[in-house]
Structures are given as C-alpha cells and as structure tokens.
Amino acid sequence: MNKLELSQAIKRKAEEIGFLSCGISKAGFLKSEASHLENWLKNGLHGSMSWMENNFDKRLDPTKLVDGAKSVISVLINYFPEKDLFENSELKISKYAYGNDYHTVVKDNLNILLEYMRAEIGEIVARCFTDSAPVLDKAWAERAGLGWIGKNGNLISTKAGSFFFIGEIICDVDLEYDHPPKADHCGTCTRCIDACPTGAIIKPQLVDGSKCISYLTIELKDELIPAAFAGKMDNWIFGCDVCQDVCPWNRFSTPTKISAFEPLDGISQTDFNELTQEGFAKLFEYSPLKRPGFQGLTRNVSFAKKKEA
C-alpha cells in the first residue's frame, strides 16, 4: 500500500475497533502551543499540578517521545451515556466516570490498532498514549482535523460534540496527513464561559485550572478544598460537565457503543453520604472514581454541601 492507501486502511480499522474517528498529523514541534503553555504555567494556572512543569520539551515535540517519529495518529472514543444518571441527584459525578477507567479501555484499543499496523507494515517504532504521558492530545487531534479547541478548552467536533476521550499512536511511519479545521465553530457563543460555576474560563481557550471543579475534586490532593469555593461546586463531587452540558454542539452527542463505558452496577444507587471505605474499594475498583481515593471523595462530598463562605 502507498501512503494514502495505508492511511485510509488505518482509519477504517480504527472505526472497526470502535473509535469515533481517526485523523493523522505530521509529527513536529508545536510552535503555536509553546507560548500558550509557557504562559499558562508561568501564571500558575495549573494550580498544584507541578508535574505539568516537567518534560516541557516532550509535551511540544513527539520526536522526543518516539525516536524518528513522523506521524501522530489521533483517535476519539465516545463515552456519552444513554442517560444522565445524576441529573436530579443531590450529588453529581462526571459522565466520563460512569463506567470503567478510560485509560485502560483506550490503551487496549490503541494497541489493537497498532498490532494491525504492524501486521500490515512490519516492525515499526511506535507508542500508544492516552492522557498518560506528556502529550498535548487536544492539539494533535485538532491538527488531525478531528475538531477545534472550543472556548472551554475542550476539543469539539461538529459531528459528535465533545463527550469523548482522545488517544494517540506516535510512530515512525510516513503517512498521508489531514488538516486542522479552517476555523472554529464557537462563533459568538459564550455559554460555557457564562455557566462555569467557579469562573474558571478566564477568556476563550484560557482556563484557570486551579479554579476548575474537575481540578478541585480530582487533582487537588490537599486535605481541604479552599473555602473560597464553598457554595460554588454546583453539587459536583467528581469532575464537572457544566461547560459541556451547555455547549450547543453536544446536541449531536449520541450514546456510546463501548460496553466498558456503560454505568457500573449500582453506581446510580450509591449513597455517597453513607459510603464506607470497603464499599468504595469494591464499587470503584475499576472506575476513575478511585483516583482521589476514599478520603478525597469523602472530602468532596462534605465540601459540596457547604454554603457560600
């Protein structure tokens, strides 16, 4: 197969595996993203996520992650649920956490795609990534034509909205490259900015991570959530979907066909106020909810009920 035929075959296989879409971009230095990332870190908008300061060069240049890298194959995988399980609940968790941990699911599917590539091409140098290494996945997905970076900082697709995970295969294979969208499609809409409970979206495409509810409930490891956010958590105890729920493009979201993302048994009946450590360990063994740990989730539950300071 020539470059075009191989690229088309990879995309067909990705769809067959269950990926929502697949695009390919040329590996190289992300020049336009470099200054944005540098300023974001310099201004402390990453909060306590000190690991974001590490491997700065690798975040911007995939050739430093994979020797001889020529292509970045980006994929999207849908996690949108059949039903919003916590829409009318006292406490809420993000839709992406209803099912199994996406890191394992996406990585397993990427490995299937990589095995297919090796069967077709022969031995290649390649690595699979999904939010587990210093890769700017949204930037690469945009370059691969899979969507644009919206005002809320998320990748948005005109066909599928934004309720999806992103993964990559960085490889030393020369392929046919796609192109980023010629323009974003947010227009004058500011629904995500207006709806953010904590005002974390400073301006279009600039998010103060230290104010984001997802950061406060997942990444922040402090014993206490800052009192300034009391009464502003909108009942979220793990993650937050507000900026996606209000996005008009998510009217095109359709329920996932990935069985691993179907809600875990009993998750919608869970009384988070009465959850024990034993119950937590049993129910969330394979769930993203295990990330903050029992103490972290208990902290979130307690803080979500606090009135404004």
C-alpha atoms as a PDB file:
ATOM      1  CA  MET A   1       0.000   0.000   0.000  1.00  0.00           C
ATOM      2  CA  ASN A   2       1.109   3.553  -0.661  1.00  0.00           C
ATOM      3  CA  LYS A   3       0.828   6.319   1.973  1.00  0.00           C
ATOM      4  CA  LEU A   4      -2.730   7.236   1.114  1.00  0.00           C
ATOM      5  CA  GLU A   5      -3.971   3.657   0.998  1.00  0.00           C
ATOM      6  CA  LEU A   6      -2.269   2.819   4.284  1.00  0.00           C
ATOM      7  CA  SER A   7      -3.683   5.906   5.985  1.00  0.00           C
ATOM      8  CA  GLN A   8      -7.182   5.075   4.779  1.00  0.00           C
ATOM      9  CA  ALA A   9      -6.788   1.485   5.937  1.00  0.00           C
ATOM     10  CA  ILE A  10      -5.711   2.642   9.406  1.00  0.00           C
ATOM     11  CA  LYS A  11      -8.776   4.873   9.663  1.00  0.00           C
ATOM     12  CA  ARG A  12     -11.097   2.071   8.567  1.00  0.00           C
ATOM     13  CA  LYS A  13      -9.571  -0.254  11.145  1.00  0.00           C
ATOM     14  CA  ALA A  14      -9.902   2.402  13.856  1.00  0.00           C
ATOM     15  CA  GLU A  15     -13.614   2.695  13.091  1.00  0.00           C
ATOM     16  CA  GLU A  16     -13.959  -1.093  13.074  1.00  0.00           C
ATOM     17  CA  ILE A  17     -12.353  -1.284  16.531  1.00  0.00           C
ATOM     18  CA  GLY A  18     -14.857   1.220  17.867  1.00  0.00           C
ATOM     19  CA  PHE A  19     -13.177   4.599  17.670  1.00  0.00           C
ATOM     20  CA  LEU A  20     -15.459   7.502  16.861  1.00  0.00           C
ATOM     21  CA  SER A  21     -12.993   8.999  14.388  1.00  0.00           C
ATOM     22  CA  CYS A  22      -9.330   8.942  13.428  1.00  0.00           C
ATOM     23  CA  GLY A  23      -7.034  11.562  11.910  1.00  0.00           C
ATOM     24  CA  ILE A  24      -3.335  11.823  11.166  1.00  0.00           C
ATOM     25  CA  SER A  25      -0.908  14.730  11.515  1.00  0.00           C
ATOM     26  CA  LYS A  26       2.780  15.234  10.841  1.00  0.00           C
ATOM     27  CA  ALA A  27       4.943  14.891  13.943  1.00  0.00           C
ATOM     28  CA  GLY A  28       6.915  18.006  14.791  1.00  0.00           C
ATOM     29  CA  PHE A  29       7.322  20.870  17.225  1.00  0.00           C
ATOM     30  CA  LEU A  30       4.067  22.527  18.327  1.00  0.00           C
ATOM     31  CA  LYS A  31       5.274  26.084  17.881  1.00  0.00           C
ATOM     32  CA  SER A  32       1.958  27.896  18.325  1.00  0.00           C
ATOM     33  CA  GLU A  33       1.158  25.946  21.503  1.00  0.00           C
ATOM     34  CA  ALA A  34       4.572  26.562  23.097  1.00  0.00           C
ATOM     35  CA  SER A  35       3.999  30.164  24.181  1.00  0.00           C
ATOM     36  CA  HIS A  36       0.473  29.397  25.388  1.00  0.00           C
ATOM     37  CA  LEU A  37       1.721  26.536  27.570  1.00  0.00           C
ATOM     38  CA  GLU A  38       4.646  28.578  28.863  1.00  0.00           C
ATOM     39  CA  ASN A  39       2.411  31.495  29.884  1.00  0.00           C
ATOM     40  CA  TRP A  40      -0.196  29.164  31.395  1.00  0.00           C
ATOM     41  CA  LEU A  41       2.455  27.614  33.621  1.00  0.00           C
ATOM     42  CA  LYS A  42       4.163  30.936  34.400  1.00  0.00           C
ATOM     43  CA  ASN A  43       0.860  32.382  35.616  1.00  0.00           C
ATOM     44  CA  GLY A  44       0.242  29.408  37.886  1.00  0.00           C
ATOM     45  CA  LEU A  45      -2.967  28.384  36.144  1.00  0.00           C
ATOM     46  CA  HIS A  46      -2.040  24.723  36.670  1.00  0.00           C
ATOM     47  CA  GLY A  47      -2.542  25.037  40.434  1.00  0.00           C
ATOM     48  CA  SER A  48      -0.761  22.292  42.355  1.00  0.00           C
ATOM     49  CA  MET A  49      -0.248  20.122  39.270  1.00  0.00           C
ATOM     50  CA  SER A  50       3.529  20.582  39.443  1.00  0.00           C
ATOM     51  CA  TRP A  51       4.010  17.622  37.110  1.00  0.00           C
ATOM     52  CA  MET A  52       2.771  19.873  34.299  1.00  0.00           C
ATOM     53  CA  GLU A  53       6.043  21.780  34.598  1.00  0.00           C
ATOM     54  CA  ASN A  54       8.054  18.642  33.835  1.00  0.00           C
ATOM     55  CA  ASN A  55       9.034  17.449  30.360  1.00  0.00           C
ATOM     56  CA  PHE A  56       8.173  20.770  28.737  1.00  0.00           C
ATOM     57  CA  ASP A  57      10.041  19.885  25.529  1.00  0.00           C
ATOM     58  CA  LYS A  58       8.410  16.458  25.288  1.00  0.00           C
ATOM     59  CA  ARG A  59       4.949  17.987  25.564  1.00  0.00           C
ATOM     60  CA  LEU A  60       5.647  20.048  22.483  1.00  0.00           C
ATOM     61  CA  ASP A  61       7.686  17.653  20.379  1.00  0.00           C
ATOM     62  CA  PRO A  62       6.674  13.982  19.881  1.00  0.00           C
ATOM     63  CA  THR A  63      10.043  13.166  18.314  1.00  0.00           C
ATOM     64  CA  LYS A  64      11.400  13.379  21.864  1.00  0.00           C
ATOM     65  CA  LEU A  65       8.959  10.659  22.938  1.00  0.00           C
ATOM     66  CA  VAL A  66       9.396   8.296  19.992  1.00  0.00           C
ATOM     67  CA  ASP A  67      12.681   8.049  18.098  1.00  0.00           C
ATOM     68  CA  GLY A  68      12.278   9.033  14.478  1.00  0.00           C
ATOM     69  CA  ALA A  69       8.606   9.937  14.907  1.00  0.00           C
ATOM     70  CA  LYS A  70       6.972  11.029  11.656  1.00  0.00           C
ATOM     71  CA  SER A  71       3.251  10.751  12.328  1.00  0.00           C
ATOM     72  CA  VAL A  72       0.751  11.266  15.136  1.00  0.00           C
ATOM     73  CA  ILE A  73      -2.393   9.172  14.697  1.00  0.00           C
ATOM     74  CA  SER A  74      -5.169  10.692  16.825  1.00  0.00           C
ATOM     75  CA  VAL A  75      -8.380   8.890  17.737  1.00  0.00           C
ATOM     76  CA  LEU A  76     -11.586   9.819  19.548  1.00  0.00           C
ATOM     77  CA  ILE A  77     -13.677   7.361  21.542  1.00  0.00           C
ATOM     78  CA  ASN A  78     -17.214   8.216  22.611  1.00  0.00           C
ATOM     79  CA  TYR A  79     -18.270   7.920  26.267  1.00  0.00           C
ATOM     80  CA  PHE A  80     -21.573   9.794  26.177  1.00  0.00           C
ATOM     81  CA  PRO A  81     -24.103   7.836  28.278  1.00  0.00           C
ATOM     82  CA  GLU A  82     -27.630   6.783  27.412  1.00  0.00           C
ATOM     83  CA  LYS A  83     -28.909   8.744  30.395  1.00  0.00           C
ATOM     84  CA  ASP A  84     -27.635  11.472  32.721  1.00  0.00           C
ATOM     85  CA  LEU A  85     -27.702   9.370  35.890  1.00  0.00           C
ATOM     86  CA  PHE A  86     -27.123  12.246  38.293  1.00  0.00           C
ATOM     87  CA  GLU A  87     -29.178  14.981  36.660  1.00  0.00           C
ATOM     88  CA  ASN A  88     -31.605  15.189  39.577  1.00  0.00           C
ATOM     89  CA  SER A  89     -29.295  13.901  42.301  1.00  0.00           C
ATOM     90  CA  GLU A  90     -28.132  15.696  45.416  1.00  0.00           C
ATOM     91  CA  LEU A  91     -24.537  14.968  44.411  1.00  0.00           C
ATOM     92  CA  LYS A  92     -23.125  14.605  40.893  1.00  0.00           C
ATOM     93  CA  ILE A  93     -20.215  12.898  39.141  1.00  0.00           C
ATOM     94  CA  SER A  94     -18.947  13.494  35.624  1.00  0.00           C
ATOM     95  CA  LYS A  95     -20.361  11.327  32.841  1.00  0.00           C
ATOM     96  CA  TYR A  96     -16.917  10.044  31.918  1.00  0.00           C
ATOM     97  CA  ALA A  97     -16.729   8.284  35.290  1.00  0.00           C
ATOM     98  CA  TYR A  98     -19.887   6.177  34.966  1.00  0.00           C
ATOM     99  CA  GLY A  99     -18.039   3.161  33.592  1.00  0.00           C
ATOM    100  CA  ASN A 100     -14.566   1.626  33.635  1.00  0.00           C
ATOM    101  CA  ASP A 101     -11.375   3.658  33.744  1.00  0.00           C
ATOM    102  CA  TYR A 102     -10.833   5.075  30.265  1.00  0.00           C
ATOM    103  CA  HIS A 103      -7.033   4.822  30.471  1.00  0.00           C
ATOM    104  CA  THR A 104      -7.209   1.030  30.230  1.00  0.00           C
ATOM    105  CA  VAL A 105     -10.032   0.923  27.668  1.00  0.00           C
ATOM    106  CA  VAL A 106      -8.493   3.433  25.254  1.00  0.00           C
ATOM    107  CA  LYS A 107      -4.980   1.999  25.584  1.00  0.00           C
ATOM    108  CA  ASP A 108      -6.217  -1.543  24.889  1.00  0.00           C
ATOM    109  CA  ASN A 109      -7.998  -0.382  21.730  1.00  0.00           C
ATOM    110  CA  LEU A 110      -4.964   1.613  20.602  1.00  0.00           C
ATOM    111  CA  ASN A 111      -2.821  -1.491  20.987  1.00  0.00           C
ATOM    112  CA  ILE A 112      -5.226  -3.408  18.744  1.00  0.00           C
ATOM    113  CA  LEU A 113      -4.834  -0.694  16.110  1.00  0.00           C
ATOM    114  CA  LEU A 114      -1.055  -0.757  16.485  1.00  0.00           C
ATOM    115  CA  GLU A 115      -0.989  -4.546  16.089  1.00  0.00           C
ATOM    116  CA  TYR A 116      -2.940  -4.154  12.866  1.00  0.00           C
ATOM    117  CA  MET A 117      -0.419  -1.592  11.607  1.00  0.00           C
ATOM    118  CA  ARG A 118       2.489  -3.906  12.379  1.00  0.00           C
ATOM    119  CA  ALA A 119       0.759  -6.782  10.616  1.00  0.00           C
ATOM    120  CA  GLU A 120       0.349  -4.604   7.524  1.00  0.00           C
ATOM    121  CA  ILE A 121       3.701  -2.784   7.558  1.00  0.00           C
ATOM    122  CA  GLY A 122       6.117  -4.891   9.552  1.00  0.00           C
ATOM    123  CA  GLU A 123       8.176  -3.760  12.517  1.00  0.00           C
ATOM    124  CA  ILE A 124       7.784  -0.067  13.346  1.00  0.00           C
ATOM    125  CA  VAL A 125       8.793   2.187  16.225  1.00  0.00           C
ATOM    126  CA  ALA A 126       5.619   3.373  17.931  1.00  0.00           C
ATOM    127  CA  ARG A 127       3.995   4.134  21.279  1.00  0.00           C
ATOM    128  CA  CYS A 128       0.366   4.466  22.372  1.00  0.00           C
ATOM    129  CA  PHE A 129      -0.779   7.310  24.609  1.00  0.00           C
ATOM    130  CA  THR A 130      -3.960   8.339  26.362  1.00  0.00           C
ATOM    131  CA  ASP A 131      -3.629  11.050  28.969  1.00  0.00           C
ATOM    132  CA  SER A 132      -0.748   9.081  30.486  1.00  0.00           C
ATOM    133  CA  ALA A 133       2.334  10.910  29.202  1.00  0.00           C
ATOM    134  CA  PRO A 134       3.375  14.477  28.294  1.00  0.00           C
ATOM    135  CA  VAL A 135       1.340  14.684  25.080  1.00  0.00           C
ATOM    136  CA  LEU A 136      -0.894  17.645  24.163  1.00  0.00           C
ATOM    137  CA  ASP A 137      -3.642  15.380  22.899  1.00  0.00           C
ATOM    138  CA  LYS A 138      -6.183  18.099  22.065  1.00  0.00           C
ATOM    139  CA  ALA A 139      -3.614  19.995  19.981  1.00  0.00           C
ATOM    140  CA  TRP A 140      -2.759  16.886  17.982  1.00  0.00           C
ATOM    141  CA  ALA A 141      -6.409  15.947  17.496  1.00  0.00           C
ATOM    142  CA  GLU A 142      -7.082  19.453  16.187  1.00  0.00           C
ATOM    143  CA  ARG A 143      -4.146  19.214  13.785  1.00  0.00           C
ATOM    144  CA  ALA A 144      -5.530  15.876  12.589  1.00  0.00           C
ATOM    145  CA  GLY A 145      -8.800  17.566  11.663  1.00  0.00           C
ATOM    146  CA  LEU A 146     -10.908  15.884  14.354  1.00  0.00           C
ATOM    147  CA  GLY A 147     -12.280  19.154  15.737  1.00  0.00           C
ATOM    148  CA  TRP A 148     -11.307  22.546  17.111  1.00  0.00           C
ATOM    149  CA  ILE A 149     -10.394  23.788  20.580  1.00  0.00           C
ATOM    150  CA  GLY A 150     -13.507  25.452  21.954  1.00  0.00           C
ATOM    151  CA  LYS A 151     -13.764  28.389  24.333  1.00  0.00           C
ATOM    152  CA  ASN A 152     -13.918  25.924  27.239  1.00  0.00           C
ATOM    153  CA  GLY A 153     -10.568  24.431  26.228  1.00  0.00           C
ATOM    154  CA  ASN A 154     -12.115  21.155  25.060  1.00  0.00           C
ATOM    155  CA  LEU A 155     -11.869  19.642  21.611  1.00  0.00           C
ATOM    156  CA  ILE A 156     -15.248  19.957  19.870  1.00  0.00           C
ATOM    157  CA  SER A 157     -16.471  18.085  16.807  1.00  0.00           C
ATOM    158  CA  THR A 158     -19.316  19.340  14.609  1.00  0.00           C
ATOM    159  CA  LYS A 159     -20.405  15.717  14.235  1.00  0.00           C
ATOM    160  CA  ALA A 160     -20.169  14.469  17.806  1.00  0.00           C
ATOM    161  CA  GLY A 161     -19.821  17.333  20.287  1.00  0.00           C
ATOM    162  CA  SER A 162     -17.157  16.835  22.960  1.00  0.00           C
ATOM    163  CA  PHE A 163     -18.041  13.866  25.167  1.00  0.00           C
ATOM    164  CA  PHE A 164     -15.136  11.698  24.034  1.00  0.00           C
ATOM    165  CA  PHE A 165     -11.665  10.630  25.096  1.00  0.00           C
ATOM    166  CA  ILE A 166      -8.575  11.243  22.959  1.00  0.00           C
ATOM    167  CA  GLY A 167      -5.702   8.864  22.300  1.00  0.00           C
ATOM    168  CA  GLU A 168      -2.636   8.778  20.048  1.00  0.00           C
ATOM    169  CA  ILE A 169      -0.207   6.473  18.354  1.00  0.00           C
ATOM    170  CA  ILE A 170       3.084   8.233  17.662  1.00  0.00           C
ATOM    171  CA  CYS A 171       5.056   6.274  15.100  1.00  0.00           C
ATOM    172  CA  ASP A 172       7.985   6.420  12.682  1.00  0.00           C
ATOM    173  CA  VAL A 173       5.774   5.756   9.644  1.00  0.00           C
ATOM    174  CA  ASP A 174       5.305   8.390   6.964  1.00  0.00           C
ATOM    175  CA  LEU A 175       1.579   8.722   6.288  1.00  0.00           C
ATOM    176  CA  GLU A 176      -0.925  10.926   4.470  1.00  0.00           C
ATOM    177  CA  TYR A 177      -1.723  13.897   6.685  1.00  0.00           C
ATOM    178  CA  ASP A 178      -5.030  15.550   7.460  1.00  0.00           C
ATOM    179  CA  HIS A 179      -5.532  19.260   8.066  1.00  0.00           C
ATOM    180  CA  PRO A 180      -6.936  21.217  11.023  1.00  0.00           C
ATOM    181  CA  PRO A 181     -10.301  22.971  10.641  1.00  0.00           C
ATOM    182  CA  LYS A 182     -10.030  26.281   8.829  1.00  0.00           C
ATOM    183  CA  ALA A 183     -11.940  27.982  11.665  1.00  0.00           C
ATOM    184  CA  ASP A 184     -13.595  27.169  14.950  1.00  0.00           C
ATOM    185  CA  HIS A 185     -17.353  26.995  15.123  1.00  0.00           C
ATOM    186  CA  CYS A 186     -17.990  28.593  18.506  1.00  0.00           C
ATOM    187  CA  GLY A 187     -18.870  31.905  16.913  1.00  0.00           C
ATOM    188  CA  THR A 188     -20.143  34.471  19.411  1.00  0.00           C
ATOM    189  CA  CYS A 189     -21.475  31.816  21.813  1.00  0.00           C
ATOM    190  CA  THR A 190     -20.247  32.204  25.407  1.00  0.00           C
ATOM    191  CA  ARG A 191     -22.493  29.670  27.141  1.00  0.00           C
ATOM    192  CA  CYS A 192     -19.583  27.727  28.631  1.00  0.00           C
ATOM    193  CA  ILE A 193     -17.931  30.887  29.992  1.00  0.00           C
ATOM    194  CA  ASP A 194     -21.197  32.193  31.430  1.00  0.00           C
ATOM    195  CA  ALA A 195     -22.195  28.859  33.009  1.00  0.00           C
ATOM    196  CA  CYS A 196     -18.912  27.896  34.716  1.00  0.00           C
ATOM    197  CA  PRO A 197     -19.789  27.812  38.450  1.00  0.00           C
ATOM    198  CA  THR A 198     -16.337  28.944  39.588  1.00  0.00           C
ATOM    199  CA  GLY A 199     -15.425  31.321  36.751  1.00  0.00           C
ATOM    200  CA  ALA A 200     -12.563  29.081  35.693  1.00  0.00           C
ATOM    201  CA  ILE A 201     -12.790  30.036  31.991  1.00  0.00           C
ATOM    202  CA  ILE A 202     -10.938  33.360  32.053  1.00  0.00           C
ATOM    203  CA  LYS A 203     -11.390  34.033  28.363  1.00  0.00           C
ATOM    204  CA  PRO A 204     -11.870  31.914  25.244  1.00  0.00           C
ATOM    205  CA  GLN A 205      -9.451  28.951  25.298  1.00  0.00           C
ATOM    206  CA  LEU A 206      -7.838  30.063  28.559  1.00  0.00           C
ATOM    207  CA  VAL A 207      -8.846  28.046  31.620  1.00  0.00           C
ATOM    208  CA  ASP A 208      -7.580  28.658  35.139  1.00  0.00           C
ATOM    209  CA  GLY A 209      -7.075  25.042  36.106  1.00  0.00           C
ATOM    210  CA  SER A 210      -6.790  25.933  39.785  1.00  0.00           C
ATOM    211  CA  LYS A 211     -10.436  27.107  39.748  1.00  0.00           C
ATOM    212  CA  CYS A 212     -11.867  24.245  37.694  1.00  0.00           C
ATOM    213  CA  ILE A 213     -14.192  21.927  39.630  1.00  0.00           C
ATOM    214  CA  SER A 214     -12.592  18.905  37.946  1.00  0.00           C
ATOM    215  CA  TYR A 215      -9.228  20.034  39.328  1.00  0.00           C
ATOM    216  CA  LEU A 216     -10.644  20.737  42.786  1.00  0.00           C
ATOM    217  CA  THR A 217     -12.346  17.338  43.046  1.00  0.00           C
ATOM    218  CA  ILE A 218      -9.710  15.163  41.365  1.00  0.00           C
ATOM    219  CA  GLU A 219      -6.259  16.718  41.028  1.00  0.00           C
ATOM    220  CA  LEU A 220      -6.137  18.747  44.253  1.00  0.00           C
ATOM    221  CA  LYS A 221      -4.679  16.481  46.932  1.00  0.00           C
ATOM    222  CA  ASP A 222      -4.918  18.927  49.850  1.00  0.00           C
ATOM    223  CA  GLU A 223      -6.859  17.851  52.896  1.00  0.00           C
ATOM    224  CA  LEU A 224      -9.274  20.731  52.363  1.00  0.00           C
ATOM    225  CA  ILE A 225     -10.692  22.459  49.295  1.00  0.00           C
ATOM    226  CA  PRO A 226     -10.155  26.261  49.565  1.00  0.00           C
ATOM    227  CA  ALA A 227     -13.030  27.938  51.425  1.00  0.00           C
ATOM    228  CA  ALA A 228     -13.435  30.461  48.584  1.00  0.00           C
ATOM    229  CA  PHE A 229     -15.180  27.740  46.557  1.00  0.00           C
ATOM    230  CA  ALA A 230     -17.791  26.919  49.202  1.00  0.00           C
ATOM    231  CA  GLY A 231     -21.268  27.102  47.719  1.00  0.00           C
ATOM    232  CA  LYS A 232     -19.879  27.176  44.168  1.00  0.00           C
ATOM    233  CA  MET A 233     -19.352  23.479  43.481  1.00  0.00           C
ATOM    234  CA  ASP A 234     -22.834  23.010  41.981  1.00  0.00           C
ATOM    235  CA  ASN A 235     -23.059  19.643  43.817  1.00  0.00           C
ATOM    236  CA  TRP A 236     -20.175  18.094  41.839  1.00  0.00           C
ATOM    237  CA  ILE A 237     -18.089  15.612  43.839  1.00  0.00           C
ATOM    238  CA  PHE A 238     -16.026  14.168  40.969  1.00  0.00           C
ATOM    239  CA  GLY A 239     -15.309  16.135  37.826  1.00  0.00           C
ATOM    240  CA  CYS A 240     -17.726  18.573  36.213  1.00  0.00           C
ATOM    241  CA  ASP A 241     -19.700  18.574  32.953  1.00  0.00           C
ATOM    242  CA  VAL A 242     -21.211  22.069  33.059  1.00  0.00           C
ATOM    243  CA  CYS A 243     -19.215  23.608  30.187  1.00  0.00           C
ATOM    244  CA  GLN A 244     -20.015  20.590  28.014  1.00  0.00           C
ATOM    245  CA  ASP A 245     -23.659  20.247  29.030  1.00  0.00           C
ATOM    246  CA  VAL A 246     -24.390  23.810  27.923  1.00  0.00           C
ATOM    247  CA  CYS A 247     -22.435  23.565  24.653  1.00  0.00           C
ATOM    248  CA  PRO A 248     -24.848  23.628  21.675  1.00  0.00           C
ATOM    249  CA  TRP A 249     -22.638  21.216  19.739  1.00  0.00           C
ATOM    250  CA  ASN A 250     -23.375  18.448  22.236  1.00  0.00           C
ATOM    251  CA  ARG A 251     -26.876  18.162  20.841  1.00  0.00           C
ATOM    252  CA  PHE A 252     -25.119  15.889  18.351  1.00  0.00           C
ATOM    253  CA  SER A 253     -23.771  13.576  21.051  1.00  0.00           C
ATOM    254  CA  THR A 254     -25.072  10.021  20.763  1.00  0.00           C
ATOM    255  CA  PRO A 255     -24.853   7.177  23.328  1.00  0.00           C
ATOM    256  CA  THR A 256     -21.629   5.216  23.302  1.00  0.00           C
ATOM    257  CA  LYS A 257     -21.496   1.696  21.920  1.00  0.00           C
ATOM    258  CA  ILE A 258     -18.433   0.842  24.044  1.00  0.00           C
ATOM    259  CA  SER A 259     -19.679  -1.632  26.643  1.00  0.00           C
ATOM    260  CA  ALA A 260     -16.830  -0.795  29.041  1.00  0.00           C
ATOM    261  CA  PHE A 261     -18.245   2.723  29.411  1.00  0.00           C
ATOM    262  CA  GLU A 262     -21.711   1.554  30.386  1.00  0.00           C
ATOM    263  CA  PRO A 263     -22.553   2.529  34.000  1.00  0.00           C
ATOM    264  CA  LEU A 264     -21.112   0.297  36.679  1.00  0.00           C
ATOM    265  CA  ASP A 265     -23.675  -1.797  38.529  1.00  0.00           C
ATOM    266  CA  GLY A 266     -25.134   0.169  41.410  1.00  0.00           C
ATOM    267  CA  ILE A 267     -23.369   3.459  40.693  1.00  0.00           C
ATOM    268  CA  SER A 268     -26.584   5.459  40.307  1.00  0.00           C
ATOM    269  CA  GLN A 269     -27.951   3.981  43.551  1.00  0.00           C
ATOM    270  CA  THR A 270     -24.830   4.804  45.539  1.00  0.00           C
ATOM    271  CA  ASP A 271     -25.444   6.917  48.648  1.00  0.00           C
ATOM    272  CA  PHE A 272     -22.218   8.893  48.712  1.00  0.00           C
ATOM    273  CA  ASN A 273     -23.135  10.262  52.131  1.00  0.00           C
ATOM    274  CA  GLU A 274     -23.062   6.763  53.618  1.00  0.00           C
ATOM    275  CA  LEU A 275     -20.257   5.264  51.520  1.00  0.00           C
ATOM    276  CA  THR A 276     -17.743   3.220  53.525  1.00  0.00           C
ATOM    277  CA  GLN A 277     -14.116   2.580  52.643  1.00  0.00           C
ATOM    278  CA  GLU A 278     -14.944  -1.068  51.986  1.00  0.00           C
ATOM    279  CA  GLY A 279     -17.858  -0.116  49.739  1.00  0.00           C
ATOM    280  CA  PHE A 280     -15.700   2.423  47.912  1.00  0.00           C
ATOM    281  CA  ALA A 281     -12.961  -0.147  47.219  1.00  0.00           C
ATOM    282  CA  LYS A 282     -15.462  -2.722  45.944  1.00  0.00           C
ATOM    283  CA  LEU A 283     -17.611  -0.475  43.747  1.00  0.00           C
ATOM    284  CA  PHE A 284     -14.861   1.671  42.239  1.00  0.00           C
ATOM    285  CA  GLU A 285     -12.060  -0.873  41.794  1.00  0.00           C
ATOM    286  CA  TYR A 286     -12.025  -0.322  38.016  1.00  0.00           C
ATOM    287  CA  SER A 287     -13.511   3.172  37.990  1.00  0.00           C
ATOM    288  CA  PRO A 288     -11.926   6.608  37.515  1.00  0.00           C
ATOM    289  CA  LEU A 289     -13.532   7.441  40.875  1.00  0.00           C
ATOM    290  CA  LYS A 290     -10.761   5.555  42.633  1.00  0.00           C
ATOM    291  CA  ARG A 291      -8.342   8.330  41.678  1.00  0.00           C
ATOM    292  CA  PRO A 292      -8.974  10.736  44.595  1.00  0.00           C
ATOM    293  CA  GLY A 293      -9.207   7.782  46.962  1.00  0.00           C
ATOM    294  CA  PHE A 294     -11.814   7.259  49.658  1.00  0.00           C
ATOM    295  CA  GLN A 295     -10.580  10.187  51.750  1.00  0.00           C
ATOM    296  CA  GLY A 296     -10.559  12.517  48.750  1.00  0.00           C
ATOM    297  CA  LEU A 297     -14.074  11.568  47.682  1.00  0.00           C
ATOM    298  CA  THR A 298     -15.328  11.937  51.256  1.00  0.00           C
ATOM    299  CA  ARG A 299     -13.755  15.405  51.359  1.00  0.00           C
ATOM    300  CA  ASN A 300     -15.539  16.316  48.125  1.00  0.00           C
ATOM    301  CA  VAL A 301     -18.907  15.096  49.379  1.00  0.00           C
ATOM    302  CA  SER A 302     -18.573  17.116  52.569  1.00  0.00           C
ATOM    303  CA  PHE A 303     -17.435  20.279  50.775  1.00  0.00           C
ATOM    304  CA  ALA A 304     -20.113  20.132  48.075  1.00  0.00           C
ATOM    305  CA  LYS A 305     -22.762  20.713  50.741  1.00  0.00           C
ATOM    306  CA  LYS A 306     -21.105  23.773  52.244  1.00  0.00           C
ATOM    307  CA  LYS A 307     -22.832  27.099  51.926  1.00  0.00           C
ATOM    308  CA  GLU A 308     -21.043  30.081  50.450  1.00  0.00           C
ATOM    309  CA  ALA A 309     -18.268  31.377  52.707  1.00  0.00           C
END
